[in-house]
Amino acid sequence: MGHGDAQNQLLPKKVEALAGQRVVAVSARGMHSLAITADGSVWSWGYGALGQLGHGDTQDQLLPKKVEAFGPWWRGCGVLQPTQRRRAAQRRRSRPLGRGVDVG
C-alpha cells in the first residue's frame, strides 16, 4: 500500500505520493503505515476499517493521506511551553479520532 494499489511489494519501493516531502520518521506495519514530515505533518495509509488511520472514518487509504486531526499544535510537541500545552490539550479534547470516540 501507499502506491495506489493493494499489491504486495517484494522489495522496498519509494512512496511517490510523498515526493517533495522530507520524511523524518516512518512506522510501517503489516496493515497500515504512518509518516511524519519535516514540517510536522502526519500522513497515514493502509487498512482503516477500525478508524486507526486517524481520518475520522473507516476507509482504507491506498495512498498517504494527511491526518488533519494533528494541527499546528502537534509540531514540536514535547517542547511546548506550559500555556501552549494547556491549549493543545484543550483542542485535543474536542477532536474525535478513529471512529469518532472523544479522547478527552
C-alpha atoms as a PDB file:
ATOM      1  CA  MET A   1       0.000   0.000   0.000  1.00  0.00           C
ATOM      2  CA  GLY A   2       0.984   3.600  -0.381  1.00  0.00           C
ATOM      3  CA  HIS A   3       1.403   3.151  -4.126  1.00  0.00           C
ATOM      4  CA  GLY A   4      -2.260   3.493  -5.142  1.00  0.00           C
ATOM      5  CA  ASP A   5      -2.974  -0.239  -5.199  1.00  0.00           C
ATOM      6  CA  ALA A   6      -3.130  -3.182  -2.808  1.00  0.00           C
ATOM      7  CA  GLN A   7      -0.259  -5.116  -4.384  1.00  0.00           C
ATOM      8  CA  ASN A   8       2.392  -6.625  -2.138  1.00  0.00           C
ATOM      9  CA  GLN A   9       5.908  -5.331  -2.753  1.00  0.00           C
ATOM     10  CA  LEU A  10       8.735  -7.845  -2.509  1.00  0.00           C
ATOM     11  CA  LEU A  11      11.344  -5.083  -2.251  1.00  0.00           C
ATOM     12  CA  PRO A  12      11.259  -1.619  -0.680  1.00  0.00           C
ATOM     13  CA  LYS A  13       9.769   0.933  -3.038  1.00  0.00           C
ATOM     14  CA  LYS A  14       9.693   4.732  -2.818  1.00  0.00           C
ATOM     15  CA  VAL A  15       6.240   6.104  -1.962  1.00  0.00           C
ATOM     16  CA  GLU A  16       5.823   8.562  -4.818  1.00  0.00           C
ATOM     17  CA  ALA A  17       2.854  10.294  -3.146  1.00  0.00           C
ATOM     18  CA  LEU A  18       5.328  11.722  -0.608  1.00  0.00           C
ATOM     19  CA  ALA A  19       7.749  13.002  -3.256  1.00  0.00           C
ATOM     20  CA  GLY A  20       8.784  16.551  -2.434  1.00  0.00           C
ATOM     21  CA  GLN A  21       8.217  15.957   1.286  1.00  0.00           C
ATOM     22  CA  ARG A  22      11.117  15.422   3.664  1.00  0.00           C
ATOM     23  CA  VAL A  23      10.065  12.370   5.678  1.00  0.00           C
ATOM     24  CA  VAL A  24      11.738  12.313   9.085  1.00  0.00           C
ATOM     25  CA  ALA A  25      10.033   9.280  10.674  1.00  0.00           C
ATOM     26  CA  VAL A  26       8.119   6.222   9.483  1.00  0.00           C
ATOM     27  CA  SER A  27       6.207   3.495  11.253  1.00  0.00           C
ATOM     28  CA  ALA A  28       5.276   0.616   8.974  1.00  0.00           C
ATOM     29  CA  ARG A  29       3.214  -2.398   9.948  1.00  0.00           C
ATOM     30  CA  GLY A  30       1.503  -5.139   8.018  1.00  0.00           C
ATOM     31  CA  MET A  31      -1.821  -3.326   7.640  1.00  0.00           C
ATOM     32  CA  HIS A  32      -1.106   0.398   7.893  1.00  0.00           C
ATOM     33  CA  SER A  33       1.747   2.896   7.968  1.00  0.00           C
ATOM     34  CA  LEU A  34       2.491   6.389   9.218  1.00  0.00           C
ATOM     35  CA  ALA A  35       4.996   9.017   8.145  1.00  0.00           C
ATOM     36  CA  ILE A  36       5.953  12.320   9.754  1.00  0.00           C
ATOM     37  CA  THR A  37       7.349  15.021   7.503  1.00  0.00           C
ATOM     38  CA  ALA A  38       9.822  17.760   8.428  1.00  0.00           C
ATOM     39  CA  ASP A  39       7.027  20.329   8.715  1.00  0.00           C
ATOM     40  CA  GLY A  40       5.374  18.187  11.416  1.00  0.00           C
ATOM     41  CA  SER A  41       2.591  16.795   9.227  1.00  0.00           C
ATOM     42  CA  VAL A  42       1.429  13.246   9.904  1.00  0.00           C
ATOM     43  CA  TRP A  43       0.426  11.026   6.968  1.00  0.00           C
ATOM     44  CA  SER A  44      -1.242   7.615   7.183  1.00  0.00           C
ATOM     45  CA  TRP A  45      -2.289   4.910   4.743  1.00  0.00           C
ATOM     46  CA  GLY A  46      -3.392   1.292   4.681  1.00  0.00           C
ATOM     47  CA  TYR A  47      -6.257  -0.614   6.260  1.00  0.00           C
ATOM     48  CA  GLY A  48      -8.606   1.784   8.023  1.00  0.00           C
ATOM     49  CA  ALA A  49     -11.734  -0.260   8.816  1.00  0.00           C
ATOM     50  CA  LEU A  50     -11.366   0.373  12.558  1.00  0.00           C
ATOM     51  CA  GLY A  51     -10.612   4.072  12.201  1.00  0.00           C
ATOM     52  CA  GLN A  52      -6.950   3.593  13.064  1.00  0.00           C
ATOM     53  CA  LEU A  53      -5.698   5.893  10.303  1.00  0.00           C
ATOM     54  CA  GLY A  54      -6.992   8.975  12.141  1.00  0.00           C
ATOM     55  CA  HIS A  55      -9.104  10.462   9.354  1.00  0.00           C
ATOM     56  CA  GLY A  56     -12.397  10.264  11.241  1.00  0.00           C
ATOM     57  CA  ASP A  57     -13.727   7.472   9.038  1.00  0.00           C
ATOM     58  CA  THR A  58     -13.267   3.761   8.417  1.00  0.00           C
ATOM     59  CA  GLN A  59     -11.989   3.969   4.843  1.00  0.00           C
ATOM     60  CA  ASP A  60      -8.871   2.220   3.602  1.00  0.00           C
ATOM     61  CA  GLN A  61      -6.293   4.568   2.091  1.00  0.00           C
ATOM     62  CA  LEU A  62      -4.200   3.265  -0.797  1.00  0.00           C
ATOM     63  CA  LEU A  63      -2.123   6.467  -0.846  1.00  0.00           C
ATOM     64  CA  PRO A  64      -0.748   8.536   2.038  1.00  0.00           C
ATOM     65  CA  LYS A  65      -3.326  10.993   3.337  1.00  0.00           C
ATOM     66  CA  LYS A  66      -2.549  13.870   5.672  1.00  0.00           C
ATOM     67  CA  VAL A  67      -4.047  13.397   9.150  1.00  0.00           C
ATOM     68  CA  GLU A  68      -5.830  16.698   9.688  1.00  0.00           C
ATOM     69  CA  ALA A  69      -6.507  15.976  13.378  1.00  0.00           C
ATOM     70  CA  PHE A  70      -2.847  16.801  14.001  1.00  0.00           C
ATOM     71  CA  GLY A  71      -2.951  20.561  13.579  1.00  0.00           C
ATOM     72  CA  PRO A  72      -0.265  23.166  14.261  1.00  0.00           C
ATOM     73  CA  TRP A  73      -0.212  22.272  17.967  1.00  0.00           C
ATOM     74  CA  TRP A  74       1.363  18.892  17.070  1.00  0.00           C
ATOM     75  CA  ARG A  75       4.536  20.455  15.664  1.00  0.00           C
ATOM     76  CA  GLY A  76       7.212  20.453  18.306  1.00  0.00           C
ATOM     77  CA  CYS A  77       5.204  18.504  20.883  1.00  0.00           C
ATOM     78  CA  GLY A  78       7.315  17.923  23.926  1.00  0.00           C
ATOM     79  CA  VAL A  79       8.936  21.347  23.706  1.00  0.00           C
ATOM     80  CA  LEU A  80       5.765  23.374  24.122  1.00  0.00           C
ATOM     81  CA  GLN A  81       5.580  25.971  26.857  1.00  0.00           C
ATOM     82  CA  PRO A  82       3.037  25.267  29.674  1.00  0.00           C
ATOM     83  CA  THR A  83       0.443  27.647  28.184  1.00  0.00           C
ATOM     84  CA  GLN A  84       0.824  26.028  24.767  1.00  0.00           C
ATOM     85  CA  ARG A  85       0.465  22.542  26.312  1.00  0.00           C
ATOM     86  CA  ARG A  86      -2.798  23.569  28.022  1.00  0.00           C
ATOM     87  CA  ARG A  87      -4.198  24.977  24.777  1.00  0.00           C
ATOM     88  CA  ALA A  88      -3.141  21.868  22.864  1.00  0.00           C
ATOM     89  CA  ALA A  89      -4.775  19.609  25.446  1.00  0.00           C
ATOM     90  CA  GLN A  90      -7.998  21.626  25.260  1.00  0.00           C
ATOM     91  CA  ARG A  91      -8.077  21.311  21.467  1.00  0.00           C
ATOM     92  CA  ARG A  92      -7.428  17.564  21.628  1.00  0.00           C
ATOM     93  CA  ARG A  93     -10.403  17.100  23.961  1.00  0.00           C
ATOM     94  CA  SER A  94     -12.725  18.484  21.322  1.00  0.00           C
ATOM     95  CA  ARG A  95     -11.359  16.470  18.371  1.00  0.00           C
ATOM     96  CA  PRO A  96     -12.559  12.920  17.767  1.00  0.00           C
ATOM     97  CA  LEU A  97     -10.066  10.378  16.465  1.00  0.00           C
ATOM     98  CA  GLY A  98     -10.628   6.979  14.916  1.00  0.00           C
ATOM     99  CA  ARG A  99     -14.301   6.075  14.907  1.00  0.00           C
ATOM    100  CA  GLY A 100     -15.347   9.386  16.413  1.00  0.00           C
ATOM    101  CA  VAL A 101     -14.606   8.452  20.012  1.00  0.00           C
ATOM    102  CA  ASP A 102     -13.726  11.520  22.038  1.00  0.00           C
ATOM    103  CA  VAL A 103     -10.311  11.037  23.630  1.00  0.00           C
ATOM    104  CA  GLY A 104     -10.733  13.868  26.143  1.00  0.00           C
END
